Amino acid sequence: MTTMQFERGEANHIRIHVLPTKRFKTFAVSLYAGIPLKEELVTPTALTPFVLRRGTSSYPETTLFREQLEHMYGAGFGFDVYKRGNYQIITFRMDTINDSFVKAEDSLLEQSFAFLGEVVTRPLTEKGAFRASYVKAEKDNVRKKLESIINDKARYAAERCMEEMFKQDVYRLNPLGSREKLENITEQSLYQAYEQWLQQAHLDLYVVGDTSLEEVTSLVEEHFSLKRTSTPAYAHEKVEFEPREVNSVTERLNVNQGKLNMGLRTPITYGDDQYASALMYSGILGSYPHSKLFVNVREKASLAYYASSRYDGHKGLATIQSGIEIQNYEKALGIIKEQLESLRQGEISELEMSQTKAMIRNQLREMQDSAFEMIAYDFNRVLSGKDRPAEQLLEQVEAVTKQDIVDAAQTFHLDTIYFLTGQKEE
């Protein structure tokens, strides 16, 4: 695996991360803006990027906004709203072709920074607030996204499991906010929340492409004029919890297929030395087609339409999700629990070990072919405070033993069982 290092800097209280490389024909630009999850802020924060993408001072109409991207040889622009650990993150992305491949009069990288900087810092305003029609339209857009969750029963079950598991924790909050809070947002209140967000957010700007830290720093200074007084850093909190009696929740809706979701807590996070062992644990449990859940619950017992697990190293959380026939609940739950126990007992084959290491190895190597995936991987370092280059993680995974996985398995405690079932008793 080729070692490539990001170069670091800071300008206008924005952390800058640049990976100079000629491997890609485009410039990949990502701006991460993170704030602590808070019930009173999560909804206006989520709505903000939807309104920002509607218009800026120079491109007040959405058609003009899109035309400018076309003028930049079809540059890509987008954003995501999600949560990592106890933080709500908004990521803005731009993908712009390298100047050497086109005959552009002005630097396309500079044009990208001018565009992104204006989107984030110079939105269209009317009478000291966002344009009312844009806020109204985007409130409807976000409301529909929140309402659509109930139509995707697998996603709904996953969200509900987290709500039940983290009732006393901000992690229960949906990163898109809530419909109730959305109703009370006005163009004035949203603009005030935006100004506060711009002052307080943790800002990390990434660039991968044929450029330099010096050039990017100069572009940030020119196009991201912010009245910030500090560069906040993410708090790297140690995950602490007391294992409790398993919380079992059953919810009834008009569904034909049951959704059985489970949540487990662990103190092992991205910054811990046992992280590679936890990755291997989750991989053998349910992350891949050869994993125990897929093989034993879906294939051998034919009890699930799907069965998998996921490990969140920023929260110390593992989730299991499965779709089952409603009448098979007890059988499926029993076999899933057997897989958890088999890992605790060290019932792990050499084939499971080698296949899981191969899958993780392939994922880390394939990541090197995507600028945005390299950026996302490096952002883990910012969030966790742990510098673990991909090649180092690969070495750690290769060195994991069966006993390491058994040791990690002892730390995963079943916390919540959530079952979405039909309205009639089976």
Protein backbone atom coordinates (compact mmCIF):
# COMPACT_ATOMS: atom_id res chain seq x y z
CA MET A 1 0.00 0.00 0.00
CA THR A 2 1.42 3.36 -1.07
CA THR A 3 1.97 5.75 1.82
CA MET A 4 0.65 9.26 1.16
CA GLN A 5 0.60 11.86 3.90
CA PHE A 6 -1.72 14.82 4.26
CA GLU A 7 0.00 18.13 4.92
CA ARG A 8 -1.61 20.23 7.67
CA GLY A 9 -2.12 23.92 8.20
CA GLU A 10 -4.62 26.50 9.41
CA ALA A 11 -6.11 29.74 8.11
CA ASN A 12 -9.02 31.88 9.33
CA HIS A 13 -9.51 29.37 12.17
CA ILE A 14 -10.13 26.56 9.66
CA ARG A 15 -7.94 23.46 9.85
CA ILE A 16 -6.49 22.62 6.43
CA HIS A 17 -5.49 19.16 5.18
CA VAL A 18 -3.90 18.80 1.74
CA LEU A 19 -2.78 15.65 -0.07
CA PRO A 20 -0.66 16.79 -3.06
CA THR A 21 -0.89 14.11 -5.76
CA LYS A 22 -1.03 13.78 -9.53
CA ARG A 23 -2.94 10.46 -9.35
CA PHE A 24 -6.36 11.98 -10.00
CA LYS A 25 -7.71 14.06 -12.88
CA THR A 26 -9.81 16.13 -10.51
CA PHE A 27 -9.52 18.19 -7.35
CA ALA A 28 -11.51 16.67 -4.48
CA VAL A 29 -12.53 19.31 -1.94
CA SER A 30 -14.41 18.53 1.29
CA LEU A 31 -15.39 20.92 4.06
CA TYR A 32 -16.38 19.21 7.32
CA ALA A 33 -18.42 21.32 9.75
CA GLY A 34 -19.19 19.62 13.05
CA ILE A 35 -20.98 20.72 16.21
CA PRO A 36 -22.02 18.77 19.33
CA LEU A 37 -25.43 17.11 18.98
CA LYS A 38 -27.97 19.24 20.86
CA GLU A 39 -31.74 18.92 20.77
CA GLU A 40 -32.29 22.65 20.30
CA LEU A 41 -29.72 22.96 17.48
CA VAL A 42 -29.93 19.72 15.49
CA THR A 43 -32.94 20.74 13.36
CA PRO A 44 -31.85 24.25 12.28
CA THR A 45 -28.32 22.94 11.68
CA ALA A 46 -29.67 20.18 9.44
CA LEU A 47 -31.85 22.62 7.49
CA THR A 48 -29.03 25.11 6.92
CA PRO A 49 -27.16 23.38 4.04
CA PHE A 50 -30.44 22.77 2.19
CA VAL A 51 -31.04 26.53 2.17
CA LEU A 52 -27.39 27.41 1.45
CA ARG A 53 -27.46 25.36 -1.76
CA ARG A 54 -30.41 27.40 -3.09
CA GLY A 55 -28.56 30.65 -3.71
CA THR A 56 -25.66 32.96 -2.80
CA SER A 57 -24.93 36.67 -3.08
CA SER A 58 -23.53 36.26 -6.61
CA TYR A 59 -25.89 33.45 -7.67
CA PRO A 60 -29.19 34.36 -5.97
CA GLU A 61 -31.35 32.11 -8.12
CA THR A 62 -30.99 28.33 -8.04
CA THR A 63 -30.67 28.27 -11.85
CA LEU A 64 -27.70 30.68 -11.67
CA PHE A 65 -26.17 28.55 -8.93
CA ARG A 66 -26.33 25.47 -11.14
CA GLU A 67 -25.17 27.34 -14.24
CA GLN A 68 -21.98 28.39 -12.44
CA LEU A 69 -21.16 24.74 -11.79
CA GLU A 70 -21.65 24.07 -15.51
CA HIS A 71 -19.31 26.95 -16.36
CA MET A 72 -16.70 25.17 -14.22
CA TYR A 73 -16.74 22.26 -16.69
CA GLY A 74 -19.53 20.46 -14.88
CA ALA A 75 -18.05 20.65 -11.38
CA GLY A 76 -19.82 18.48 -8.83
CA PHE A 77 -21.26 19.97 -5.65
CA GLY A 78 -23.12 18.23 -2.86
CA PHE A 79 -23.49 17.85 0.89
CA ASP A 80 -24.33 15.26 3.54
CA VAL A 81 -25.81 15.62 7.03
CA TYR A 82 -25.03 12.83 9.50
CA LYS A 83 -23.71 12.10 13.00
CA ARG A 84 -20.41 10.68 14.19
CA GLY A 85 -20.23 9.91 17.87
CA ASN A 86 -21.93 12.80 19.68
CA TYR A 87 -21.38 15.26 16.83
CA GLN A 88 -23.63 16.40 14.00
CA ILE A 89 -21.54 16.74 10.84
CA ILE A 90 -22.27 18.59 7.62
CA THR A 91 -19.89 17.77 4.78
CA PHE A 92 -19.79 19.95 1.67
CA ARG A 93 -18.06 18.38 -1.35
CA MET A 94 -16.77 19.69 -4.64
CA ASP A 95 -15.25 17.67 -7.46
CA THR A 96 -13.56 19.82 -10.11
CA ILE A 97 -11.48 18.80 -13.10
CA ASN A 98 -7.75 19.57 -12.99
CA ASP A 99 -6.87 22.65 -15.08
CA SER A 100 -4.27 20.72 -17.07
CA PHE A 101 -7.03 18.70 -18.75
CA VAL A 102 -9.07 21.67 -20.00
CA LYS A 103 -8.44 25.14 -21.41
CA ALA A 104 -9.80 27.22 -18.56
CA GLU A 105 -9.04 30.94 -18.42
CA ASP A 106 -8.91 30.96 -14.63
CA SER A 107 -7.76 28.33 -12.14
CA LEU A 108 -10.59 25.86 -11.60
CA LEU A 109 -9.32 25.14 -8.09
CA GLU A 110 -9.57 28.84 -7.30
CA GLN A 111 -13.03 28.98 -8.85
CA SER A 112 -14.03 26.01 -6.64
CA PHE A 113 -12.85 27.81 -3.53
CA ALA A 114 -14.59 31.01 -4.58
CA PHE A 115 -17.82 29.06 -5.13
CA LEU A 116 -17.67 26.95 -1.95
CA GLY A 117 -16.54 29.90 0.14
CA GLU A 118 -19.52 31.91 -1.08
CA VAL A 119 -21.97 29.06 -0.49
CA VAL A 120 -20.84 28.76 3.13
CA THR A 121 -20.07 32.38 4.06
CA ARG A 122 -22.11 34.61 1.70
CA PRO A 123 -25.58 33.15 1.29
CA LEU A 124 -28.42 35.08 -0.27
CA THR A 125 -30.13 37.27 2.34
CA GLU A 126 -33.16 39.56 2.27
CA LYS A 127 -33.77 42.04 5.10
CA GLY A 128 -31.14 40.36 7.29
CA ALA A 129 -32.54 36.85 6.91
CA PHE A 130 -32.64 33.98 4.43
CA ARG A 131 -35.06 34.28 1.51
CA ALA A 132 -38.44 33.20 2.87
CA SER A 133 -39.45 31.15 -0.18
CA TYR A 134 -36.20 29.15 -0.01
CA VAL A 135 -36.67 28.40 3.70
CA LYS A 136 -40.28 27.34 3.17
CA ALA A 137 -39.39 25.04 0.26
CA GLU A 138 -36.47 23.41 2.08
CA LYS A 139 -38.49 22.96 5.27
CA ASP A 140 -40.93 20.96 3.15
CA ASN A 141 -38.02 19.02 1.65
CA VAL A 142 -36.54 18.07 5.03
CA ARG A 143 -40.00 17.29 6.42
CA LYS A 144 -40.61 14.85 3.58
CA LYS A 145 -37.24 13.20 4.22
CA LEU A 146 -38.13 12.72 7.89
CA GLU A 147 -41.62 11.44 7.03
CA SER A 148 -40.22 9.00 4.47
CA ILE A 149 -38.24 7.14 7.16
CA ILE A 150 -41.39 5.30 8.22
CA ASN A 151 -41.76 3.96 4.65
CA ASP A 152 -38.32 2.33 4.76
CA LYS A 153 -38.97 -0.17 7.53
CA ALA A 154 -35.36 -1.36 7.77
CA ARG A 155 -34.16 2.21 8.31
CA TYR A 156 -37.08 2.97 10.63
CA ALA A 157 -36.24 -0.05 12.80
CA ALA A 158 -32.57 0.97 12.95
CA GLU A 159 -33.53 4.52 14.04
CA ARG A 160 -36.00 3.27 16.63
CA CYS A 161 -33.48 0.83 18.07
CA MET A 162 -31.03 3.72 18.60
CA GLU A 163 -33.75 5.90 20.13
CA GLU A 164 -34.57 3.17 22.65
CA MET A 165 -30.92 2.38 23.33
CA PHE A 166 -29.85 5.99 23.89
CA LYS A 167 -32.92 7.49 25.56
CA GLN A 168 -30.74 9.51 27.94
CA ASP A 169 -28.05 10.32 25.35
CA VAL A 170 -27.94 12.90 22.53
CA TYR A 171 -27.00 10.07 20.16
CA ARG A 172 -30.74 9.27 20.02
CA LEU A 173 -31.26 12.41 17.89
CA ASN A 174 -31.80 12.05 14.16
CA PRO A 175 -29.16 14.16 12.36
CA LEU A 176 -31.95 15.68 10.21
CA GLY A 177 -33.73 16.88 13.34
CA SER A 178 -37.43 16.55 14.08
CA ARG A 179 -40.66 17.55 12.33
CA GLU A 180 -41.91 19.30 15.48
CA LYS A 181 -38.88 21.59 15.73
CA LEU A 182 -38.96 22.20 11.96
CA GLU A 183 -42.42 23.81 12.13
CA ASN A 184 -41.23 26.66 14.35
CA ILE A 185 -38.24 27.69 12.23
CA THR A 186 -38.52 31.04 10.41
CA GLU A 187 -36.19 32.68 7.91
CA GLN A 188 -35.01 35.00 10.71
CA SER A 189 -34.43 32.30 13.34
CA LEU A 190 -32.66 30.07 10.80
CA TYR A 191 -30.31 32.86 9.77
CA GLN A 192 -29.46 33.55 13.42
CA ALA A 193 -28.79 29.84 13.96
CA TYR A 194 -26.64 29.80 10.79
CA GLU A 195 -24.50 32.69 12.06
CA GLN A 196 -24.01 30.90 15.38
CA TRP A 197 -23.17 27.64 13.56
CA LEU A 198 -20.59 29.42 11.38
CA GLN A 199 -18.92 30.84 14.49
CA GLN A 200 -18.89 27.67 16.57
CA ALA A 201 -18.54 24.75 14.14
CA HIS A 202 -15.36 22.71 13.98
CA LEU A 203 -14.18 23.37 10.42
CA ASP A 204 -11.82 21.06 8.54
CA LEU A 205 -11.12 21.65 4.86
CA TYR A 206 -9.59 18.86 2.78
CA VAL A 207 -8.11 18.96 -0.72
CA VAL A 208 -6.72 16.02 -2.70
CA GLY A 209 -5.15 16.80 -6.05
CA ASP A 210 -2.32 18.47 -7.90
CA THR A 211 -1.87 21.41 -5.53
CA SER A 212 0.09 22.41 -2.43
CA LEU A 213 -0.59 23.37 1.17
CA GLU A 214 0.65 26.88 0.40
CA GLU A 215 -1.77 27.34 -2.50
CA VAL A 216 -4.75 25.99 -0.54
CA THR A 217 -3.90 28.14 2.50
CA SER A 218 -3.84 31.23 0.29
CA LEU A 219 -7.21 30.30 -1.25
CA VAL A 220 -8.79 29.77 2.19
CA GLU A 221 -7.51 33.16 3.35
CA GLU A 222 -8.99 34.80 0.26
CA HIS A 223 -12.36 33.08 -0.03
CA PHE A 224 -13.33 32.03 3.51
CA SER A 225 -13.49 35.31 5.38
CA LEU A 226 -14.94 34.36 8.75
CA LYS A 227 -15.25 36.39 11.94
CA ARG A 228 -14.06 33.51 14.08
CA THR A 229 -12.00 33.96 17.22
CA SER A 230 -10.91 30.35 17.80
CA THR A 231 -10.34 26.97 16.17
CA PRO A 232 -12.42 24.54 18.27
CA ALA A 233 -11.17 20.97 18.54
CA TYR A 234 -13.29 17.85 18.85
CA ALA A 235 -13.55 16.48 22.40
CA HIS A 236 -12.17 12.95 22.54
CA GLU A 237 -14.38 11.51 25.25
CA LYS A 238 -13.77 8.05 26.60
CA VAL A 239 -16.81 5.80 26.20
CA GLU A 240 -18.04 4.79 29.64
CA PHE A 241 -21.19 2.84 30.44
CA GLU A 242 -22.55 0.38 32.95
CA PRO A 243 -23.81 -2.86 31.39
CA ARG A 244 -27.52 -3.10 32.18
CA GLU A 245 -30.30 -5.62 31.92
CA VAL A 246 -31.21 -6.06 28.27
CA ASN A 247 -33.93 -3.64 27.19
CA SER A 248 -36.45 -5.47 24.97
CA VAL A 249 -38.85 -3.36 22.92
CA THR A 250 -41.63 -4.56 20.60
CA GLU A 251 -43.42 -2.14 18.28
CA ARG A 252 -46.42 -2.98 16.12
CA LEU A 253 -47.06 -1.51 12.68
CA ASN A 254 -48.74 -2.71 9.51
CA VAL A 255 -45.82 -4.83 8.28
CA ASN A 256 -45.59 -8.30 6.76
CA GLN A 257 -41.88 -8.79 7.50
CA GLY A 258 -40.46 -8.41 10.99
CA LYS A 259 -37.37 -6.30 11.67
CA LEU A 260 -35.17 -7.56 14.48
CA ASN A 261 -32.50 -5.07 15.50
CA MET A 262 -30.05 -5.31 18.37
CA GLY A 263 -27.61 -2.86 19.90
CA LEU A 264 -24.42 -3.69 21.80
CA ARG A 265 -22.13 -1.33 23.74
CA THR A 266 -18.35 -1.56 23.97
CA PRO A 267 -15.70 0.75 25.43
CA ILE A 268 -13.47 0.08 22.39
CA THR A 269 -13.39 3.10 20.08
CA TYR A 270 -11.37 4.29 17.10
CA GLY A 271 -8.66 5.70 19.34
CA ASP A 272 -8.09 2.47 21.29
CA ASP A 273 -5.33 -0.09 20.75
CA GLN A 274 -8.00 -2.80 20.49
CA TYR A 275 -9.72 -1.09 17.54
CA ALA A 276 -8.37 -3.58 14.97
CA SER A 277 -9.59 -6.46 17.14
CA ALA A 278 -13.07 -4.88 17.34
CA LEU A 279 -13.08 -4.50 13.54
CA MET A 280 -12.26 -8.19 13.20
CA TYR A 281 -14.96 -9.08 15.76
CA SER A 282 -17.61 -7.20 13.79
CA GLY A 283 -16.32 -8.60 10.50
CA ILE A 284 -16.59 -12.20 11.67
CA LEU A 285 -19.95 -11.53 13.35
CA GLY A 286 -21.83 -9.95 10.45
CA SER A 287 -20.11 -7.46 8.14
CA TYR A 288 -19.50 -9.79 5.17
CA PRO A 289 -21.14 -12.64 3.22
CA HIS A 290 -18.93 -15.20 5.00
CA SER A 291 -19.81 -13.85 8.46
CA LYS A 292 -21.57 -15.87 11.16
CA LEU A 293 -24.88 -14.00 10.97
CA PHE A 294 -25.18 -14.38 7.21
CA VAL A 295 -24.11 -18.02 7.15
CA ASN A 296 -25.97 -19.31 10.20
CA VAL A 297 -29.09 -17.13 10.40
CA ARG A 298 -29.78 -16.56 6.72
CA GLU A 299 -28.18 -19.46 4.85
CA LYS A 300 -28.27 -22.49 7.16
CA ALA A 301 -31.39 -21.78 9.20
CA SER A 302 -33.21 -19.79 6.45
CA LEU A 303 -34.61 -17.54 9.16
CA ALA A 304 -33.72 -14.13 7.73
CA TYR A 305 -34.02 -12.25 4.47
CA TYR A 306 -30.95 -10.33 5.58
CA ALA A 307 -28.74 -10.41 8.66
CA SER A 308 -25.68 -8.25 9.25
CA SER A 309 -23.79 -6.22 11.83
CA ARG A 310 -22.04 -2.85 11.87
CA TYR A 311 -19.48 -1.39 14.26
CA ASP A 312 -19.31 2.34 14.99
CA GLY A 313 -15.86 3.07 16.37
CA HIS A 314 -16.73 6.66 17.25
CA LYS A 315 -19.53 5.69 19.64
CA GLY A 316 -18.44 2.29 20.94
CA LEU A 317 -21.48 0.67 19.39
CA ALA A 318 -22.27 -2.46 17.38
CA THR A 319 -25.65 -2.96 15.73
CA ILE A 320 -27.26 -6.09 14.33
CA GLN A 321 -30.04 -5.79 11.80
CA SER A 322 -32.17 -8.54 10.29
CA GLY A 323 -35.39 -9.01 8.38
CA ILE A 324 -37.37 -12.09 9.42
CA GLU A 325 -40.74 -13.79 9.17
CA ILE A 326 -42.69 -12.54 12.19
CA GLN A 327 -43.36 -16.03 13.52
CA ASN A 328 -39.62 -16.81 13.52
CA TYR A 329 -38.72 -14.14 16.09
CA GLU A 330 -37.75 -16.46 18.95
CA LYS A 331 -35.76 -18.81 16.69
CA ALA A 332 -33.90 -15.97 14.98
CA LEU A 333 -33.15 -14.22 18.27
CA GLY A 334 -31.83 -17.46 19.72
CA ILE A 335 -29.48 -18.15 16.80
CA ILE A 336 -28.20 -14.56 16.78
CA LYS A 337 -27.43 -14.82 20.50
CA GLU A 338 -25.63 -18.10 19.78
CA GLN A 339 -23.33 -16.28 17.34
CA LEU A 340 -22.49 -13.68 19.98
CA GLU A 341 -21.71 -16.41 22.48
CA SER A 342 -19.63 -18.40 19.98
CA LEU A 343 -17.35 -15.39 19.52
CA ARG A 344 -17.02 -14.98 23.29
CA GLN A 345 -16.07 -18.67 23.49
CA GLY A 346 -13.51 -18.38 20.71
CA GLU A 347 -15.35 -20.55 18.20
CA ILE A 348 -13.60 -18.93 15.26
CA SER A 349 -12.21 -20.88 12.31
CA GLU A 350 -8.99 -20.12 10.47
CA LEU A 351 -11.08 -19.59 7.35
CA GLU A 352 -13.19 -16.93 9.13
CA MET A 353 -9.98 -15.24 10.28
CA SER A 354 -8.33 -15.25 6.85
CA GLN A 355 -11.46 -14.23 4.91
CA THR A 356 -12.20 -11.34 7.28
CA LYS A 357 -8.63 -10.05 7.11
CA ALA A 358 -8.79 -10.30 3.30
CA MET A 359 -12.01 -8.28 3.18
CA ILE A 360 -10.63 -5.52 5.42
CA ARG A 361 -7.38 -5.55 3.42
CA ASN A 362 -9.28 -5.11 0.17
CA GLN A 363 -11.39 -2.28 1.59
CA LEU A 364 -8.31 -0.38 2.75
CA ARG A 365 -6.56 -0.87 -0.57
CA GLU A 366 -9.58 0.09 -2.67
CA MET A 367 -9.91 3.24 -0.58
CA GLN A 368 -6.65 4.45 -2.14
CA ASP A 369 -8.45 4.69 -5.50
CA SER A 370 -10.96 7.27 -4.24
CA ALA A 371 -9.89 10.75 -3.17
CA PHE A 372 -13.06 11.27 -1.14
CA GLU A 373 -12.68 7.95 0.66
CA MET A 374 -9.10 8.86 1.62
CA ILE A 375 -10.42 12.16 2.93
CA ALA A 376 -13.18 10.44 4.93
CA TYR A 377 -10.67 7.98 6.41
CA ASP A 378 -8.30 10.78 7.46
CA PHE A 379 -11.17 12.68 9.08
CA ASN A 380 -11.35 9.81 11.60
CA ARG A 381 -8.03 11.12 12.91
CA VAL A 382 -9.53 14.57 13.52
CA LEU A 383 -12.62 13.17 15.23
CA SER A 384 -10.81 10.67 17.43
CA GLY A 385 -7.45 12.34 18.06
CA LYS A 386 -5.80 9.08 16.95
CA ASP A 387 -3.41 9.19 14.00
CA ARG A 388 -3.66 5.75 12.42
CA PRO A 389 -2.65 5.73 8.73
CA ALA A 390 -4.36 3.08 6.62
CA GLU A 391 -1.18 1.05 6.24
CA GLN A 392 -0.77 1.00 10.03
CA LEU A 393 -4.34 -0.19 10.52
CA LEU A 394 -3.72 -2.90 7.92
CA GLU A 395 -0.64 -4.07 9.86
CA GLN A 396 -2.66 -4.11 13.08
CA VAL A 397 -5.48 -6.12 11.48
CA GLU A 398 -3.01 -8.65 10.04
CA ALA A 399 -1.53 -9.10 13.52
CA VAL A 400 -4.88 -9.76 15.26
CA THR A 401 -5.07 -13.23 16.81
CA LYS A 402 -8.06 -15.35 17.75
CA GLN A 403 -7.43 -14.53 21.41
CA ASP A 404 -7.46 -10.80 20.59
CA ILE A 405 -10.94 -11.22 19.12
CA VAL A 406 -12.11 -13.24 22.13
CA ASP A 407 -10.80 -10.48 24.42
CA ALA A 408 -12.64 -7.86 22.37
CA ALA A 409 -15.82 -9.97 22.36
CA GLN A 410 -15.93 -9.88 26.18
CA THR A 411 -16.34 -6.09 26.00
CA PHE A 412 -19.42 -6.13 23.71
CA HIS A 413 -22.54 -6.14 25.90
CA LEU A 414 -26.03 -6.66 24.51
CA ASP A 415 -28.02 -3.60 25.53
CA THR A 416 -31.21 -3.38 23.46
CA ILE A 417 -33.40 -5.75 21.43
CA TYR A 418 -35.92 -4.00 19.18
CA PHE A 419 -38.53 -5.93 17.22
CA LEU A 420 -40.83 -4.32 14.66
CA THR A 421 -43.74 -6.69 14.13
CA GLY A 422 -47.25 -6.78 12.65
CA GLN A 423 -50.34 -5.38 14.30
CA LYS A 424 -51.82 -8.81 15.01
CA GLU A 425 -50.46 -11.31 17.49
CA GLU A 426 -48.80 -14.21 15.67
